[in-house]
Amino acid sequence: MHPIRRHSAALAVLALLAGCAGPAIEKEPARPAALAPEDVELIPRRALLGNPEKFRGRISPDGTLVSFLAPVDGVQNVWVAPVGDLASARAVTRDRLRGIRLYFWASDGEHVLYLQDEGGNENWQLHAVEVETA
């Protein structure tokens, strides 16, 4: 017998033996009846698509401050607080139009840098805000 055929035959025998020695196939459990649409509580759109309360947290270069994005009058802005004291956070930016999406700490730890375009024109501008004075 050719070596490849002998190998294939051995694999077929092993597969049959494995199937005989394996556990019995169990029936899939019955599925519960489908709920009617009026019985399902919908997730509010705001919960799925609205702005988060706080996000994109970052730690200052010296490790003493934490920053994050959160709304000011419904528009995303940069907030800063001492590490471990988020209750004393204060907004250091005051954007009222499109909201801030991208921001970073400057290497000096005294400024927050953020990118913004005007009206969606993709002409990005870099802004710097002194954290101490906002």
N, C-alpha and C. Protein backbone atom coordinates (compact mmCIF):
# COMPACT_ATOMS: atom_id res chain seq x y z
N MET A 1 0.85 -1.17 0.00
CA MET A 1 0.00 0.00 0.00
C MET A 1 0.90 1.24 0.00
N HIS A 2 0.49 2.25 -0.72
CA HIS A 2 1.23 3.51 -0.80
C HIS A 2 1.25 4.17 0.57
N PRO A 3 2.38 4.85 0.99
CA PRO A 3 2.47 5.45 2.34
C PRO A 3 1.39 6.48 2.64
N ILE A 4 1.00 7.27 1.64
CA ILE A 4 -0.01 8.29 1.88
C ILE A 4 -1.37 7.64 2.13
N ARG A 5 -1.67 6.60 1.35
CA ARG A 5 -2.95 5.90 1.55
C ARG A 5 -2.98 5.21 2.91
N ARG A 6 -1.85 4.63 3.32
CA ARG A 6 -1.77 3.96 4.61
C ARG A 6 -2.02 4.98 5.73
N HIS A 7 -1.43 6.15 5.57
CA HIS A 7 -1.60 7.22 6.57
C HIS A 7 -3.06 7.68 6.63
N SER A 8 -3.68 7.86 5.48
CA SER A 8 -5.08 8.29 5.41
C SER A 8 -5.99 7.24 6.01
N ALA A 9 -5.72 5.99 5.76
CA ALA A 9 -6.54 4.91 6.31
C ALA A 9 -6.42 4.87 7.82
N ALA A 10 -5.20 5.07 8.34
CA ALA A 10 -5.00 5.07 9.79
C ALA A 10 -5.76 6.23 10.45
N LEU A 11 -5.73 7.38 9.82
CA LEU A 11 -6.46 8.53 10.36
C LEU A 11 -7.97 8.28 10.36
N ALA A 12 -8.47 7.64 9.33
CA ALA A 12 -9.90 7.34 9.26
C ALA A 12 -10.31 6.39 10.37
N VAL A 13 -9.48 5.37 10.65
CA VAL A 13 -9.77 4.42 11.72
C VAL A 13 -9.76 5.13 13.07
N LEU A 14 -8.75 6.00 13.28
CA LEU A 14 -8.67 6.74 14.54
C LEU A 14 -9.89 7.65 14.73
N ALA A 15 -10.32 8.29 13.66
CA ALA A 15 -11.49 9.16 13.74
C ALA A 15 -12.74 8.37 14.11
N LEU A 16 -12.90 7.17 13.55
CA LEU A 16 -14.05 6.34 13.88
C LEU A 16 -14.00 5.90 15.33
N LEU A 17 -12.80 5.49 15.78
CA LEU A 17 -12.65 5.05 17.17
C LEU A 17 -12.91 6.20 18.14
N ALA A 18 -12.43 7.38 17.81
CA ALA A 18 -12.65 8.54 18.67
C ALA A 18 -14.13 8.85 18.78
N GLY A 19 -14.84 8.70 17.69
CA GLY A 19 -16.27 8.96 17.70
C GLY A 19 -17.03 7.95 18.53
N CYS A 20 -16.58 6.70 18.53
CA CYS A 20 -17.24 5.66 19.31
C CYS A 20 -16.99 5.82 20.80
N ALA A 21 -15.78 6.31 21.15
CA ALA A 21 -15.42 6.42 22.56
C ALA A 21 -15.88 7.74 23.17
N GLY A 22 -16.31 8.68 22.35
CA GLY A 22 -16.67 10.00 22.85
C GLY A 22 -17.98 10.00 23.59
N PRO A 23 -18.27 11.10 24.27
CA PRO A 23 -19.53 11.19 25.01
C PRO A 23 -20.72 11.24 24.06
N ALA A 24 -21.84 10.84 24.58
CA ALA A 24 -23.06 10.88 23.77
C ALA A 24 -23.42 12.33 23.48
N ILE A 25 -23.94 12.58 22.30
CA ILE A 25 -24.33 13.93 21.91
C ILE A 25 -25.63 14.29 22.62
N GLU A 26 -25.60 15.39 23.35
CA GLU A 26 -26.78 15.82 24.07
C GLU A 26 -27.63 16.72 23.20
N LYS A 27 -28.92 16.68 23.44
CA LYS A 27 -29.81 17.56 22.70
C LYS A 27 -29.64 18.98 23.20
N GLU A 28 -29.78 19.92 22.30
CA GLU A 28 -29.71 21.34 22.68
C GLU A 28 -30.89 21.67 23.56
N PRO A 29 -30.62 22.40 24.67
CA PRO A 29 -31.75 22.74 25.56
C PRO A 29 -32.79 23.58 24.83
N ALA A 30 -34.02 23.44 25.25
CA ALA A 30 -35.10 24.20 24.63
C ALA A 30 -34.91 25.69 24.89
N ARG A 31 -35.15 26.48 23.88
CA ARG A 31 -35.02 27.94 24.00
C ARG A 31 -36.31 28.51 24.55
N PRO A 32 -36.17 29.56 25.38
CA PRO A 32 -37.40 30.18 25.88
C PRO A 32 -38.16 30.87 24.75
N ALA A 33 -39.44 31.03 24.95
CA ALA A 33 -40.26 31.69 23.93
C ALA A 33 -39.79 33.13 23.74
N ALA A 34 -39.85 33.60 22.53
CA ALA A 34 -39.44 34.97 22.22
C ALA A 34 -40.40 35.96 22.87
N LEU A 35 -39.81 37.07 23.33
CA LEU A 35 -40.64 38.12 23.93
C LEU A 35 -41.25 38.99 22.84
N ALA A 36 -42.41 39.48 23.13
CA ALA A 36 -43.06 40.42 22.21
C ALA A 36 -42.35 41.76 22.32
N PRO A 37 -42.26 42.53 21.23
CA PRO A 37 -41.56 43.81 21.27
C PRO A 37 -42.04 44.74 22.37
N GLU A 38 -43.31 44.72 22.69
CA GLU A 38 -43.81 45.63 23.72
C GLU A 38 -43.38 45.17 25.13
N ASP A 39 -42.89 43.93 25.27
CA ASP A 39 -42.43 43.43 26.56
C ASP A 39 -40.96 43.70 26.83
N VAL A 40 -40.26 44.26 25.84
CA VAL A 40 -38.83 44.50 25.97
C VAL A 40 -38.59 45.98 26.29
N GLU A 41 -37.85 46.23 27.36
CA GLU A 41 -37.53 47.61 27.72
C GLU A 41 -36.38 48.10 26.83
N LEU A 42 -36.59 49.21 26.16
CA LEU A 42 -35.58 49.75 25.26
C LEU A 42 -34.50 50.50 26.04
N ILE A 43 -33.27 50.41 25.56
CA ILE A 43 -32.17 51.19 26.13
C ILE A 43 -32.28 52.59 25.54
N PRO A 44 -32.28 53.61 26.38
CA PRO A 44 -32.41 54.98 25.85
C PRO A 44 -31.26 55.32 24.90
N ARG A 45 -31.57 56.02 23.82
CA ARG A 45 -30.55 56.41 22.85
C ARG A 45 -29.41 57.18 23.50
N ARG A 46 -29.75 58.03 24.44
CA ARG A 46 -28.72 58.83 25.12
C ARG A 46 -27.69 57.93 25.80
N ALA A 47 -28.14 56.80 26.37
CA ALA A 47 -27.21 55.88 27.04
C ALA A 47 -26.24 55.26 26.04
N LEU A 48 -26.69 55.02 24.82
CA LEU A 48 -25.84 54.40 23.80
C LEU A 48 -25.03 55.42 23.01
N LEU A 49 -25.63 56.54 22.68
CA LEU A 49 -25.01 57.48 21.74
C LEU A 49 -24.66 58.82 22.35
N GLY A 50 -25.07 59.08 23.57
CA GLY A 50 -24.80 60.36 24.20
C GLY A 50 -23.35 60.47 24.67
N ASN A 51 -22.99 61.65 25.10
CA ASN A 51 -21.64 61.87 25.62
C ASN A 51 -21.47 61.18 26.97
N PRO A 52 -20.32 60.59 27.20
CA PRO A 52 -20.06 60.01 28.52
C PRO A 52 -19.88 61.11 29.55
N GLU A 53 -20.00 60.78 30.82
CA GLU A 53 -19.82 61.78 31.87
C GLU A 53 -18.37 62.24 31.94
N LYS A 54 -17.45 61.29 31.94
CA LYS A 54 -16.01 61.59 31.98
C LYS A 54 -15.30 60.54 31.13
N PHE A 55 -14.32 60.99 30.34
CA PHE A 55 -13.55 60.03 29.55
C PHE A 55 -12.22 60.62 29.12
N ARG A 56 -11.38 59.79 28.54
CA ARG A 56 -10.03 60.14 28.08
C ARG A 56 -9.18 60.74 29.20
N GLY A 57 -9.15 60.08 30.32
CA GLY A 57 -8.34 60.54 31.45
C GLY A 57 -6.85 60.45 31.14
N ARG A 58 -6.11 61.44 31.61
CA ARG A 58 -4.66 61.47 31.43
C ARG A 58 -4.03 62.03 32.71
N ILE A 59 -2.80 61.59 32.98
CA ILE A 59 -2.07 62.08 34.15
C ILE A 59 -1.00 63.06 33.68
N SER A 60 -0.85 64.15 34.42
CA SER A 60 0.14 65.17 34.06
C SER A 60 1.55 64.58 34.12
N PRO A 61 2.51 65.19 33.40
CA PRO A 61 3.88 64.66 33.38
C PRO A 61 4.51 64.52 34.77
N ASP A 62 4.17 65.39 35.71
CA ASP A 62 4.76 65.27 37.05
C ASP A 62 3.94 64.36 37.97
N GLY A 63 2.80 63.84 37.48
CA GLY A 63 2.00 62.89 38.23
C GLY A 63 1.13 63.48 39.32
N THR A 64 1.00 64.79 39.38
CA THR A 64 0.21 65.41 40.45
C THR A 64 -1.22 65.74 40.04
N LEU A 65 -1.47 65.85 38.75
CA LEU A 65 -2.80 66.23 38.26
C LEU A 65 -3.35 65.16 37.33
N VAL A 66 -4.66 65.09 37.28
CA VAL A 66 -5.34 64.22 36.34
C VAL A 66 -6.27 65.09 35.50
N SER A 67 -6.37 64.77 34.23
CA SER A 67 -7.27 65.52 33.34
C SER A 67 -8.22 64.54 32.67
N PHE A 68 -9.33 65.05 32.20
CA PHE A 68 -10.31 64.22 31.51
C PHE A 68 -11.24 65.12 30.71
N LEU A 69 -11.98 64.53 29.81
CA LEU A 69 -13.00 65.26 29.06
C LEU A 69 -14.35 65.03 29.74
N ALA A 70 -15.10 66.09 29.89
CA ALA A 70 -16.45 66.03 30.46
C ALA A 70 -17.21 67.26 29.97
N PRO A 71 -18.53 67.20 29.96
CA PRO A 71 -19.30 68.33 29.43
C PRO A 71 -19.33 69.54 30.36
N VAL A 72 -19.35 70.71 29.72
CA VAL A 72 -19.66 71.99 30.36
C VAL A 72 -20.84 72.52 29.56
N ASP A 73 -21.99 72.61 30.17
CA ASP A 73 -23.22 73.02 29.47
C ASP A 73 -23.47 72.16 28.24
N GLY A 74 -23.22 70.85 28.37
CA GLY A 74 -23.50 69.91 27.29
C GLY A 74 -22.43 69.80 26.22
N VAL A 75 -21.31 70.51 26.34
CA VAL A 75 -20.24 70.49 25.34
C VAL A 75 -18.97 69.97 26.00
N GLN A 76 -18.30 69.00 25.33
CA GLN A 76 -17.10 68.38 25.90
C GLN A 76 -15.97 69.40 26.06
N ASN A 77 -15.39 69.45 27.27
CA ASN A 77 -14.26 70.32 27.58
C ASN A 77 -13.26 69.57 28.43
N VAL A 78 -12.08 70.14 28.60
CA VAL A 78 -11.03 69.54 29.41
C VAL A 78 -11.18 70.00 30.86
N TRP A 79 -11.12 69.06 31.77
CA TRP A 79 -11.19 69.31 33.21
C TRP A 79 -9.88 68.83 33.84
N VAL A 80 -9.48 69.46 34.93
CA VAL A 80 -8.25 69.10 35.63
C VAL A 80 -8.54 69.05 37.14
N ALA A 81 -7.92 68.06 37.81
CA ALA A 81 -8.07 67.92 39.26
C ALA A 81 -6.78 67.34 39.83
N PRO A 82 -6.53 67.58 41.10
CA PRO A 82 -5.40 66.90 41.74
C PRO A 82 -5.66 65.39 41.75
N VAL A 83 -4.60 64.60 41.63
CA VAL A 83 -4.75 63.15 41.67
C VAL A 83 -5.39 62.77 43.01
N GLY A 84 -6.40 61.94 42.96
CA GLY A 84 -7.08 61.48 44.17
C GLY A 84 -8.16 62.41 44.67
N ASP A 85 -8.43 63.51 43.97
CA ASP A 85 -9.45 64.46 44.42
C ASP A 85 -10.28 64.95 43.24
N LEU A 86 -10.99 64.03 42.59
CA LEU A 86 -11.80 64.40 41.43
C LEU A 86 -12.93 65.36 41.79
N ALA A 87 -13.32 65.40 43.04
CA ALA A 87 -14.40 66.29 43.46
C ALA A 87 -14.02 67.76 43.27
N SER A 88 -12.73 68.07 43.26
CA SER A 88 -12.32 69.47 43.09
C SER A 88 -11.93 69.78 41.64
N ALA A 89 -12.34 68.93 40.70
CA ALA A 89 -12.04 69.17 39.28
C ALA A 89 -12.67 70.47 38.80
N ARG A 90 -11.96 71.14 37.90
CA ARG A 90 -12.50 72.36 37.29
C ARG A 90 -12.18 72.35 35.81
N ALA A 91 -13.09 72.92 35.03
CA ALA A 91 -12.89 73.01 33.58
C ALA A 91 -11.81 74.05 33.29
N VAL A 92 -10.86 73.69 32.43
CA VAL A 92 -9.82 74.65 32.04
C VAL A 92 -10.02 75.14 30.61
N THR A 93 -11.01 74.58 29.90
CA THR A 93 -11.38 75.08 28.57
C THR A 93 -12.84 75.46 28.60
N ARG A 94 -13.25 76.28 27.64
CA ARG A 94 -14.64 76.75 27.58
C ARG A 94 -15.17 76.71 26.15
N ASP A 95 -14.99 75.59 25.47
CA ASP A 95 -15.53 75.48 24.13
C ASP A 95 -17.05 75.42 24.22
N ARG A 96 -17.75 76.13 23.33
CA ARG A 96 -19.20 76.15 23.36
C ARG A 96 -19.82 75.63 22.05
N LEU A 97 -18.98 75.22 21.09
CA LEU A 97 -19.51 74.82 19.80
C LEU A 97 -19.46 73.31 19.58
N ARG A 98 -18.32 72.80 19.16
CA ARG A 98 -18.22 71.41 18.74
C ARG A 98 -17.72 70.46 19.82
N GLY A 99 -17.13 70.97 20.87
CA GLY A 99 -16.57 70.13 21.90
C GLY A 99 -15.15 69.70 21.57
N ILE A 100 -14.40 69.39 22.57
CA ILE A 100 -13.00 68.98 22.40
C ILE A 100 -12.96 67.46 22.41
N ARG A 101 -12.26 66.90 21.45
CA ARG A 101 -12.14 65.44 21.34
C ARG A 101 -10.71 64.97 21.57
N LEU A 102 -9.74 65.77 21.16
CA LEU A 102 -8.32 65.39 21.25
C LEU A 102 -7.57 66.39 22.11
N TYR A 103 -6.92 65.90 23.15
CA TYR A 103 -6.11 66.80 23.97
C TYR A 103 -4.95 66.02 24.57
N PHE A 104 -3.92 66.74 25.00
CA PHE A 104 -2.71 66.14 25.56
C PHE A 104 -2.11 67.08 26.59
N TRP A 105 -1.31 66.55 27.47
CA TRP A 105 -0.52 67.38 28.36
C TRP A 105 0.73 67.82 27.63
N ALA A 106 1.10 69.09 27.77
CA ALA A 106 2.40 69.55 27.26
C ALA A 106 3.47 68.98 28.18
N SER A 107 4.67 68.84 27.67
CA SER A 107 5.74 68.23 28.46
C SER A 107 6.11 69.05 29.69
N ASP A 108 5.77 70.35 29.71
CA ASP A 108 6.08 71.17 30.89
C ASP A 108 5.11 70.91 32.04
N GLY A 109 4.00 70.21 31.77
CA GLY A 109 3.02 69.91 32.81
C GLY A 109 2.19 71.11 33.25
N GLU A 110 2.40 72.25 32.61
CA GLU A 110 1.67 73.46 32.98
C GLU A 110 0.60 73.83 31.95
N HIS A 111 0.62 73.16 30.80
CA HIS A 111 -0.33 73.46 29.73
C HIS A 111 -1.02 72.18 29.25
N VAL A 112 -2.26 72.37 28.83
CA VAL A 112 -2.99 71.33 28.13
C VAL A 112 -3.10 71.78 26.69
N LEU A 113 -2.79 70.88 25.77
CA LEU A 113 -2.89 71.18 24.33
C LEU A 113 -4.10 70.43 23.78
N TYR A 114 -4.86 71.11 22.92
CA TYR A 114 -5.98 70.42 22.29
C TYR A 114 -6.10 70.83 20.84
N LEU A 115 -6.63 69.91 20.04
CA LEU A 115 -6.83 70.13 18.60
C LEU A 115 -8.29 70.42 18.34
N GLN A 116 -8.53 71.33 17.42
CA GLN A 116 -9.90 71.67 17.06
C GLN A 116 -9.96 72.19 15.63
N ASP A 117 -11.03 71.83 14.95
CA ASP A 117 -11.27 72.41 13.62
C ASP A 117 -12.51 73.31 13.71
N GLU A 118 -12.62 74.20 12.77
CA GLU A 118 -13.75 75.14 12.77
C GLU A 118 -14.87 74.60 11.89
N GLY A 119 -15.96 74.25 12.51
CA GLY A 119 -17.14 73.84 11.74
C GLY A 119 -16.97 72.59 10.90
N GLY A 120 -16.04 71.72 11.24
CA GLY A 120 -15.86 70.48 10.50
C GLY A 120 -15.08 70.63 9.21
N ASN A 121 -14.29 71.72 9.06
CA ASN A 121 -13.58 71.93 7.81
C ASN A 121 -12.26 71.17 7.73
N GLU A 122 -11.91 70.43 8.80
CA GLU A 122 -10.69 69.63 8.85
C GLU A 122 -9.41 70.46 8.80
N ASN A 123 -9.50 71.76 9.02
CA ASN A 123 -8.31 72.61 9.17
C ASN A 123 -8.01 72.69 10.67
N TRP A 124 -7.28 71.71 11.17
CA TRP A 124 -7.04 71.57 12.59
C TRP A 124 -6.11 72.66 13.11
N GLN A 125 -6.46 73.17 14.26
CA GLN A 125 -5.63 74.17 14.94
C GLN A 125 -5.27 73.63 16.31
N LEU A 126 -4.03 73.91 16.73
CA LEU A 126 -3.56 73.49 18.04
C LEU A 126 -3.71 74.65 19.01
N HIS A 127 -4.36 74.40 20.13
CA HIS A 127 -4.57 75.41 21.15
C HIS A 127 -3.84 74.98 22.42
N ALA A 128 -3.34 75.95 23.18
CA ALA A 128 -2.69 75.68 24.47
C ALA A 128 -3.41 76.46 25.55
N VAL A 129 -3.65 75.79 26.68
CA VAL A 129 -4.30 76.42 27.82
C VAL A 129 -3.40 76.22 29.04
N GLU A 130 -3.13 77.32 29.73
CA GLU A 130 -2.35 77.22 30.96
C GLU A 130 -3.29 76.66 32.04
N VAL A 131 -2.91 75.57 32.64
CA VAL A 131 -3.78 74.88 33.60
C VAL A 131 -4.05 75.76 34.82
N GLU A 132 -3.07 76.45 35.31
CA GLU A 132 -3.21 77.27 36.53
C GLU A 132 -4.25 78.35 36.36
N THR A 133 -4.25 79.04 35.22
CA THR A 133 -5.12 80.21 35.02
C THR A 133 -6.31 79.92 34.11
N ALA A 134 -6.28 78.75 33.45
CA ALA A 134 -7.32 78.39 32.47
C ALA A 134 -7.41 79.42 31.38
